[in-house]
PDB file of N, CA and C in Angstrom:
ATOM      1  N   UNK A   1      16.550   5.934 -10.988  1.00  0.00           N
ATOM      2  CA  UNK A   1      15.458   6.673 -10.375  1.00  0.00           C
ATOM      3  C   UNK A   1      14.495   5.690  -9.712  1.00  0.00           C
ATOM      4  N   UNK A   2      14.123   5.967  -8.486  1.00  0.00           N
ATOM      5  CA  UNK A   2      13.189   5.118  -7.750  1.00  0.00           C
ATOM      6  C   UNK A   2      11.783   5.238  -8.322  1.00  0.00           C
ATOM      7  N   UNK A   3      11.019   4.189  -8.154  1.00  0.00           N
ATOM      8  CA  UNK A   3       9.621   4.159  -8.568  1.00  0.00           C
ATOM      9  C   UNK A   3       8.762   4.420  -7.338  1.00  0.00           C
ATOM     10  N   UNK A   4       7.795   5.330  -7.474  1.00  0.00           N
ATOM     11  CA  UNK A   4       6.855   5.614  -6.391  1.00  0.00           C
ATOM     12  C   UNK A   4       5.464   5.191  -6.827  1.00  0.00           C
ATOM     13  N   UNK A   5       4.650   4.828  -5.871  1.00  0.00           N
ATOM     14  CA  UNK A   5       3.271   4.451  -6.185  1.00  0.00           C
ATOM     15  C   UNK A   5       2.383   4.730  -4.985  1.00  0.00           C
ATOM     16  N   UNK A   6       1.125   5.019  -5.286  1.00  0.00           N
ATOM     17  CA  UNK A   6       0.086   5.050  -4.270  1.00  0.00           C
ATOM     18  C   UNK A   6      -0.598   3.697  -4.333  1.00  0.00           C
ATOM     19  N   UNK A   7      -0.807   3.092  -3.180  1.00  0.00           N
ATOM     20  CA  UNK A   7      -1.481   1.801  -3.111  1.00  0.00           C
ATOM     21  C   UNK A   7      -2.741   1.992  -2.296  1.00  0.00           C
ATOM     22  N   UNK A   8      -3.876   1.762  -2.959  1.00  0.00           N
ATOM     23  CA  UNK A   8      -5.188   1.922  -2.343  1.00  0.00           C
ATOM     24  C   UNK A   8      -5.609   0.563  -1.810  1.00  0.00           C
ATOM     25  N   UNK A   9      -6.049   0.528  -0.561  1.00  0.00           N
ATOM     26  CA  UNK A   9      -6.320  -0.734   0.121  1.00  0.00           C
ATOM     27  C   UNK A   9      -7.744  -0.770   0.648  1.00  0.00           C
ATOM     28  N   UNK A  10      -8.424  -1.877   0.375  1.00  0.00           N
ATOM     29  CA  UNK A  10      -9.709  -2.157   1.010  1.00  0.00           C
ATOM     30  C   UNK A  10      -9.449  -3.186   2.097  1.00  0.00           C
ATOM     31  N   UNK A  11     -10.133  -3.007   3.234  1.00  0.00           N
ATOM     32  CA  UNK A  11      -9.926  -3.901   4.373  1.00  0.00           C
ATOM     33  C   UNK A  11     -11.243  -4.529   4.815  1.00  0.00           C
ATOM     34  N   UNK A  12     -11.116  -5.539   5.664  1.00  0.00           N
ATOM     35  CA  UNK A  12     -12.292  -6.080   6.331  1.00  0.00           C
ATOM     36  C   UNK A  12     -12.859  -4.988   7.242  1.00  0.00           C
ATOM     37  N   UNK A  13     -14.144  -5.069   7.519  1.00  0.00           N
ATOM     38  CA  UNK A  13     -14.800  -4.088   8.383  1.00  0.00           C
ATOM     39  C   UNK A  13     -14.088  -4.028   9.732  1.00  0.00           C
ATOM     40  N   UNK A  14     -13.768  -2.812  10.168  1.00  0.00           N
ATOM     41  CA  UNK A  14     -13.145  -2.606  11.465  1.00  0.00           C
ATOM     42  C   UNK A  14     -11.642  -2.824  11.511  1.00  0.00           C
ATOM     43  N   UNK A  15     -11.015  -3.102  10.369  1.00  0.00           N
ATOM     44  CA  UNK A  15      -9.579  -3.403  10.359  1.00  0.00           C
ATOM     45  C   UNK A  15      -8.705  -2.280   9.801  1.00  0.00           C
ATOM     46  N   UNK A  16      -9.296  -1.167   9.377  1.00  0.00           N
ATOM     47  CA  UNK A  16      -8.519  -0.120   8.704  1.00  0.00           C
ATOM     48  C   UNK A  16      -7.357   0.383   9.557  1.00  0.00           C
ATOM     49  N   UNK A  17      -7.597   0.666  10.810  1.00  0.00           N
ATOM     50  CA  UNK A  17      -6.549   1.221  11.668  1.00  0.00           C
ATOM     51  C   UNK A  17      -5.397   0.237  11.863  1.00  0.00           C
ATOM     52  N   UNK A  18      -5.710  -1.016  12.128  1.00  0.00           N
ATOM     53  CA  UNK A  18      -4.642  -2.003  12.331  1.00  0.00           C
ATOM     54  C   UNK A  18      -3.885  -2.280  11.035  1.00  0.00           C
ATOM     55  N   UNK A  19      -4.576  -2.260   9.906  1.00  0.00           N
ATOM     56  CA  UNK A  19      -3.910  -2.447   8.614  1.00  0.00           C
ATOM     57  C   UNK A  19      -2.981  -1.265   8.328  1.00  0.00           C
ATOM     58  N   UNK A  20      -3.454  -0.042   8.564  1.00  0.00           N
ATOM     59  CA  UNK A  20      -2.623   1.141   8.322  1.00  0.00           C
ATOM     60  C   UNK A  20      -1.343   1.086   9.150  1.00  0.00           C
ATOM     61  N   UNK A  21      -1.447   0.683  10.397  1.00  0.00           N
ATOM     62  CA  UNK A  21      -0.259   0.586  11.252  1.00  0.00           C
ATOM     63  C   UNK A  21       0.672  -0.515  10.764  1.00  0.00           C
ATOM     64  N   UNK A  22       0.114  -1.657  10.383  1.00  0.00           N
ATOM     65  CA  UNK A  22       0.944  -2.785   9.941  1.00  0.00           C
ATOM     66  C   UNK A  22       1.697  -2.459   8.651  1.00  0.00           C
ATOM     67  N   UNK A  23       1.020  -1.840   7.676  1.00  0.00           N
ATOM     68  CA  UNK A  23       1.703  -1.537   6.418  1.00  0.00           C
ATOM     69  C   UNK A  23       2.685  -0.377   6.582  1.00  0.00           C
ATOM     70  N   UNK A  24       2.407   0.534   7.497  1.00  0.00           N
ATOM     71  CA  UNK A  24       3.308   1.667   7.729  1.00  0.00           C
ATOM     72  C   UNK A  24       4.693   1.195   8.143  1.00  0.00           C
ATOM     73  N   UNK A  25       4.759   0.083   8.847  1.00  0.00           N
ATOM     74  CA  UNK A  25       6.022  -0.435   9.357  1.00  0.00           C
ATOM     75  C   UNK A  25       6.802  -1.270   8.343  1.00  0.00           C
ATOM     76  N   UNK A  26       6.255  -1.504   7.144  1.00  0.00           N
ATOM     77  CA  UNK A  26       6.940  -2.316   6.136  1.00  0.00           C
ATOM     78  C   UNK A  26       8.038  -1.512   5.439  1.00  0.00           C
ATOM     79  N   UNK A  27       9.146  -2.168   5.066  1.00  0.00           N
ATOM     80  CA  UNK A  27      10.196  -1.467   4.328  1.00  0.00           C
ATOM     81  C   UNK A  27       9.665  -0.983   2.978  1.00  0.00           C
ATOM     82  N   UNK A  28      10.024   0.225   2.608  1.00  0.00           N
ATOM     83  CA  UNK A  28       9.585   0.787   1.340  1.00  0.00           C
ATOM     84  C   UNK A  28       8.339   1.640   1.432  1.00  0.00           C
ATOM     85  N   UNK A  29       7.620   1.543   2.537  1.00  0.00           N
ATOM     86  CA  UNK A  29       6.411   2.351   2.717  1.00  0.00           C
ATOM     87  C   UNK A  29       6.817   3.699   3.307  1.00  0.00           C
ATOM     88  N   UNK A  30       6.456   4.759   2.601  1.00  0.00           N
ATOM     89  CA  UNK A  30       6.809   6.112   3.015  1.00  0.00           C
ATOM     90  C   UNK A  30       5.747   6.694   3.938  1.00  0.00           C
ATOM     91  N   UNK A  31       4.478   6.439   3.629  1.00  0.00           N
ATOM     92  CA  UNK A  31       3.369   6.982   4.409  1.00  0.00           C
ATOM     93  C   UNK A  31       2.166   6.066   4.254  1.00  0.00           C
ATOM     94  N   UNK A  32       1.365   5.944   5.298  1.00  0.00           N
ATOM     95  CA  UNK A  32       0.122   5.171   5.247  1.00  0.00           C
ATOM     96  C   UNK A  32      -0.921   5.904   6.081  1.00  0.00           C
ATOM     97  N   UNK A  33      -2.098   6.100   5.495  1.00  0.00           N
ATOM     98  CA  UNK A  33      -3.157   6.842   6.177  1.00  0.00           C
ATOM     99  C   UNK A  33      -4.497   6.148   6.024  1.00  0.00           C
ATOM    100  N   UNK A  34      -5.301   6.198   7.099  1.00  0.00           N
ATOM    101  CA  UNK A  34      -6.703   5.777   7.028  1.00  0.00           C
ATOM    102  C   UNK A  34      -7.448   6.852   6.245  1.00  0.00           C
ATOM    103  N   UNK A  35      -8.359   6.450   5.379  1.00  0.00           N
ATOM    104  CA  UNK A  35      -9.166   7.400   4.615  1.00  0.00           C
ATOM    105  C   UNK A  35     -10.618   6.919   4.591  1.00  0.00           C
ATOM    106  N   UNK A  36     -11.510   7.787   4.147  1.00  0.00           N
ATOM    107  CA  UNK A  36     -12.897   7.385   3.952  1.00  0.00           C
ATOM    108  C   UNK A  36     -13.171   7.296   2.462  1.00  0.00           C
ATOM    109  N   UNK A  37     -14.235   6.594   2.111  1.00  0.00           N
ATOM    110  CA  UNK A  37     -14.582   6.419   0.705  1.00  0.00           C
ATOM    111  C   UNK A  37     -14.485   4.955   0.321  1.00  0.00           C
ATOM    112  N   UNK A  38     -14.302   4.676  -0.961  1.00  0.00           N
ATOM    113  CA  UNK A  38     -14.286   3.276  -1.407  1.00  0.00           C
ATOM    114  C   UNK A  38     -13.058   2.497  -0.929  1.00  0.00           C
ATOM    115  N   UNK A  39     -11.996   3.201  -0.520  1.00  0.00           N
ATOM    116  CA  UNK A  39     -10.813   2.545   0.031  1.00  0.00           C
ATOM    117  C   UNK A  39     -10.675   2.950   1.492  1.00  0.00           C
ATOM    118  N   UNK A  40     -10.011   2.102   2.254  1.00  0.00           N
ATOM    119  CA  UNK A  40      -9.896   2.317   3.698  1.00  0.00           C
ATOM    120  C   UNK A  40      -8.533   2.852   4.118  1.00  0.00           C
ATOM    121  N   UNK A  41      -7.501   2.495   3.346  1.00  0.00           N
ATOM    122  CA  UNK A  41      -6.135   2.917   3.635  1.00  0.00           C
ATOM    123  C   UNK A  41      -5.474   3.276   2.312  1.00  0.00           C
ATOM    124  N   UNK A  42      -4.718   4.363   2.307  1.00  0.00           N
ATOM    125  CA  UNK A  42      -3.898   4.710   1.151  1.00  0.00           C
ATOM    126  C   UNK A  42      -2.468   4.847   1.634  1.00  0.00           C
ATOM    127  N   UNK A  43      -1.555   4.197   0.922  1.00  0.00           N
ATOM    128  CA  UNK A  43      -0.159   4.327   1.291  1.00  0.00           C
ATOM    129  C   UNK A  43       0.657   4.753   0.091  1.00  0.00           C
ATOM    130  N   UNK A  44       1.798   5.347   0.384  1.00  0.00           N
ATOM    131  CA  UNK A  44       2.763   5.700  -0.657  1.00  0.00           C
ATOM    132  C   UNK A  44       3.993   4.844  -0.419  1.00  0.00           C
ATOM    133  N   UNK A  45       4.449   4.194  -1.489  1.00  0.00           N
ATOM    134  CA  UNK A  45       5.596   3.308  -1.392  1.00  0.00           C
ATOM    135  C   UNK A  45       6.643   3.694  -2.427  1.00  0.00           C
ATOM    136  N   UNK A  46       7.879   3.336  -2.147  1.00  0.00           N
ATOM    137  CA  UNK A  46       8.981   3.551  -3.074  1.00  0.00           C
ATOM    138  C   UNK A  46       9.776   2.271  -3.206  1.00  0.00           C
ATOM    139  N   UNK A  47      10.269   2.033  -4.427  1.00  0.00           N
ATOM    140  CA  UNK A  47      11.091   0.860  -4.707  1.00  0.00           C
ATOM    141  C   UNK A  47      12.096   1.236  -5.792  1.00  0.00           C
ATOM    142  N   UNK A  48      13.110   0.413  -5.969  1.00  0.00           N
ATOM    143  CA  UNK A  48      14.136   0.673  -6.978  1.00  0.00           C
ATOM    144  C   UNK A  48      13.641   0.444  -8.401  1.00  0.00           C
ATOM    145  N   UNK A  49      12.649  -0.421  -8.585  1.00  0.00           N
ATOM    146  CA  UNK A  49      12.130  -0.712  -9.921  1.00  0.00           C
ATOM    147  C   UNK A  49      10.662  -1.094  -9.821  1.00  0.00           C
ATOM    148  N   UNK A  50       9.988  -1.111 -10.957  1.00  0.00           N
ATOM    149  CA  UNK A  50       8.580  -1.519 -10.979  1.00  0.00           C
ATOM    150  C   UNK A  50       8.445  -2.988 -10.577  1.00  0.00           C
ATOM    151  N   UNK A  51       9.438  -3.806 -10.929  1.00  0.00           N
ATOM    152  CA  UNK A  51       9.405  -5.213 -10.520  1.00  0.00           C
ATOM    153  C   UNK A  51       9.522  -5.355  -9.007  1.00  0.00           C
ATOM    154  N   UNK A  52      10.424  -4.583  -8.402  1.00  0.00           N
ATOM    155  CA  UNK A  52      10.574  -4.623  -6.950  1.00  0.00           C
ATOM    156  C   UNK A  52       9.301  -4.130  -6.270  1.00  0.00           C
ATOM    157  N   UNK A  53       8.682  -3.110  -6.840  1.00  0.00           N
ATOM    158  CA  UNK A  53       7.421  -2.602  -6.303  1.00  0.00           C
ATOM    159  C   UNK A  53       6.356  -3.696  -6.343  1.00  0.00           C
ATOM    160  N   UNK A  54       6.253  -4.388  -7.463  1.00  0.00           N
ATOM    161  CA  UNK A  54       5.280  -5.475  -7.588  1.00  0.00           C
ATOM    162  C   UNK A  54       5.529  -6.581  -6.575  1.00  0.00           C
ATOM    163  N   UNK A  55       6.802  -6.930  -6.383  1.00  0.00           N
ATOM    164  CA  UNK A  55       7.128  -7.968  -5.391  1.00  0.00           C
ATOM    165  C   UNK A  55       6.753  -7.506  -3.987  1.00  0.00           C
ATOM    166  N   UNK A  56       6.966  -6.220  -3.695  1.00  0.00           N
ATOM    167  CA  UNK A  56       6.609  -5.683  -2.380  1.00  0.00           C
ATOM    168  C   UNK A  56       5.104  -5.812  -2.150  1.00  0.00           C
ATOM    169  N   UNK A  57       4.323  -5.462  -3.150  1.00  0.00           N
ATOM    170  CA  UNK A  57       2.860  -5.524  -3.009  1.00  0.00           C
ATOM    171  C   UNK A  57       2.411  -6.961  -2.781  1.00  0.00           C
ATOM    172  N   UNK A  58       2.902  -7.881  -3.610  1.00  0.00           N
ATOM    173  CA  UNK A  58       2.430  -9.267  -3.548  1.00  0.00           C
ATOM    174  C   UNK A  58       2.984 -10.025  -2.342  1.00  0.00           C
ATOM    175  N   UNK A  59       4.252  -9.825  -2.015  1.00  0.00           N
ATOM    176  CA  UNK A  59       4.864 -10.648  -0.972  1.00  0.00           C
ATOM    177  C   UNK A  59       4.836 -10.028   0.416  1.00  0.00           C
ATOM    178  N   UNK A  60       4.497  -8.736   0.529  1.00  0.00           N
ATOM    179  CA  UNK A  60       4.468  -8.114   1.851  1.00  0.00           C
ATOM    180  C   UNK A  60       3.117  -7.472   2.157  1.00  0.00           C
ATOM    181  N   UNK A  61       2.700  -6.556   1.305  1.00  0.00           N
ATOM    182  CA  UNK A  61       1.493  -5.785   1.603  1.00  0.00           C
ATOM    183  C   UNK A  61       0.245  -6.655   1.565  1.00  0.00           C
ATOM    184  N   UNK A  62       0.066  -7.440   0.514  1.00  0.00           N
ATOM    185  CA  UNK A  62      -1.157  -8.247   0.400  1.00  0.00           C
ATOM    186  C   UNK A  62      -1.251  -9.343   1.450  1.00  0.00           C
ATOM    187  N   UNK A  63      -0.172  -9.635   2.136  1.00  0.00           N
ATOM    188  CA  UNK A  63      -0.195 -10.659   3.179  1.00  0.00           C
ATOM    189  C   UNK A  63      -0.602 -10.125   4.549  1.00  0.00           C
ATOM    190  N   UNK A  64      -0.755  -8.808   4.669  1.00  0.00           N
ATOM    191  CA  UNK A  64      -1.156  -8.219   5.951  1.00  0.00           C
ATOM    192  C   UNK A  64      -2.587  -8.643   6.277  1.00  0.00           C
ATOM    193  N   UNK A  65      -2.782  -9.121   7.494  1.00  0.00           N
ATOM    194  CA  UNK A  65      -4.099  -9.584   7.943  1.00  0.00           C
ATOM    195  C   UNK A  65      -5.121  -8.451   7.864  1.00  0.00           C
ATOM    196  N   UNK A  66      -6.254  -8.710   7.232  1.00  0.00           N
ATOM    197  CA  UNK A  66      -7.335  -7.735   7.146  1.00  0.00           C
ATOM    198  C   UNK A  66      -7.469  -7.076   5.783  1.00  0.00           C
ATOM    199  N   UNK A  67      -6.462  -7.216   4.926  1.00  0.00           N
ATOM    200  CA  UNK A  67      -6.550  -6.629   3.586  1.00  0.00           C
ATOM    201  C   UNK A  67      -7.354  -7.551   2.684  1.00  0.00           C
ATOM    202  N   UNK A  68      -8.332  -6.975   1.981  1.00  0.00           N
ATOM    203  CA  UNK A  68      -9.139  -7.770   1.049  1.00  0.00           C
ATOM    204  C   UNK A  68      -8.817  -7.479  -0.411  1.00  0.00           C
ATOM    205  N   UNK A  69      -8.323  -6.259  -0.709  1.00  0.00           N
ATOM    206  CA  UNK A  69      -8.035  -5.896  -2.103  1.00  0.00           C
ATOM    207  C   UNK A  69      -7.077  -4.708  -2.122  1.00  0.00           C
ATOM    208  N   UNK A  70      -6.191  -4.690  -3.147  1.00  0.00           N
ATOM    209  CA  UNK A  70      -5.297  -3.550  -3.340  1.00  0.00           C
ATOM    210  C   UNK A  70      -5.392  -3.064  -4.779  1.00  0.00           C
ATOM    211  N   UNK A  71      -5.090  -1.800  -4.968  1.00  0.00           N
ATOM    212  CA  UNK A  71      -4.981  -1.204  -6.301  1.00  0.00           C
ATOM    213  C   UNK A  71      -3.715  -0.353  -6.294  1.00  0.00           C
ATOM    214  N   UNK A  72      -2.751  -0.713  -7.154  1.00  0.00           N
ATOM    215  CA  UNK A  72      -1.477  -0.017  -7.196  1.00  0.00           C
ATOM    216  C   UNK A  72      -1.485   1.004  -8.323  1.00  0.00           C
ATOM    217  N   UNK A  73      -1.135   2.245  -7.980  1.00  0.00           N
ATOM    218  CA  UNK A  73      -1.144   3.366  -8.939  1.00  0.00           C
ATOM    219  C   UNK A  73       0.258   3.965  -8.987  1.00  0.00           C
ATOM    220  N   UNK A  74       1.099   3.514  -9.931  1.00  0.00           N
ATOM    221  CA  UNK A  74       2.464   4.075 -10.025  1.00  0.00           C
ATOM    222  C   UNK A  74       2.413   5.558 -10.391  1.00  0.00           C
ATOM    223  N   UNK A  75       3.336   6.315  -9.825  1.00  0.00           N
ATOM    224  CA  UNK A  75       3.453   7.742 -10.123  1.00  0.00           C
ATOM    225  C   UNK A  75       4.209   7.884 -11.438  1.00  0.00           C
ATOM    226  N   UNK A  76       3.703   8.732 -12.351  1.00  0.00           N
ATOM    227  CA  UNK A  76       4.381   9.007 -13.607  1.00  0.00           C
ATOM    228  C   UNK A  76       4.787  10.476 -13.643  1.00  0.00           C
ATOM    229  N   UNK A  77       5.840  10.745 -14.347  1.00  0.00           N
ATOM    230  CA  UNK A  77       6.338  12.113 -14.495  1.00  0.00           C
ATOM    231  C   UNK A  77       6.194  12.489 -15.955  1.00  0.00           C
ATOM    232  N   UNK A  78       5.149  13.247 -16.275  1.00  0.00           N
ATOM    233  CA  UNK A  78       4.859  13.605 -17.657  1.00  0.00           C
ATOM    234  C   UNK A  78       5.557  14.873 -18.072  1.00  0.00           C
TER     235      UNK A  78
END
């Protein structure tokens, strides 16, 4: 079963739109949207395992220019 997560992203001022477009094009990202509030972009990602998800966040998403902080929220099925 694949692991899904919502990843909440804070960006530098004025970078939300470019960050949303850049992360949307990454493998494993299902959807990315600009939002208002304490976070600037929220994306939904899927991976084969929690380890793969973590590697995606650290080695791909956090390297996108303009991102200052991420918060990963894995989806659970209760």
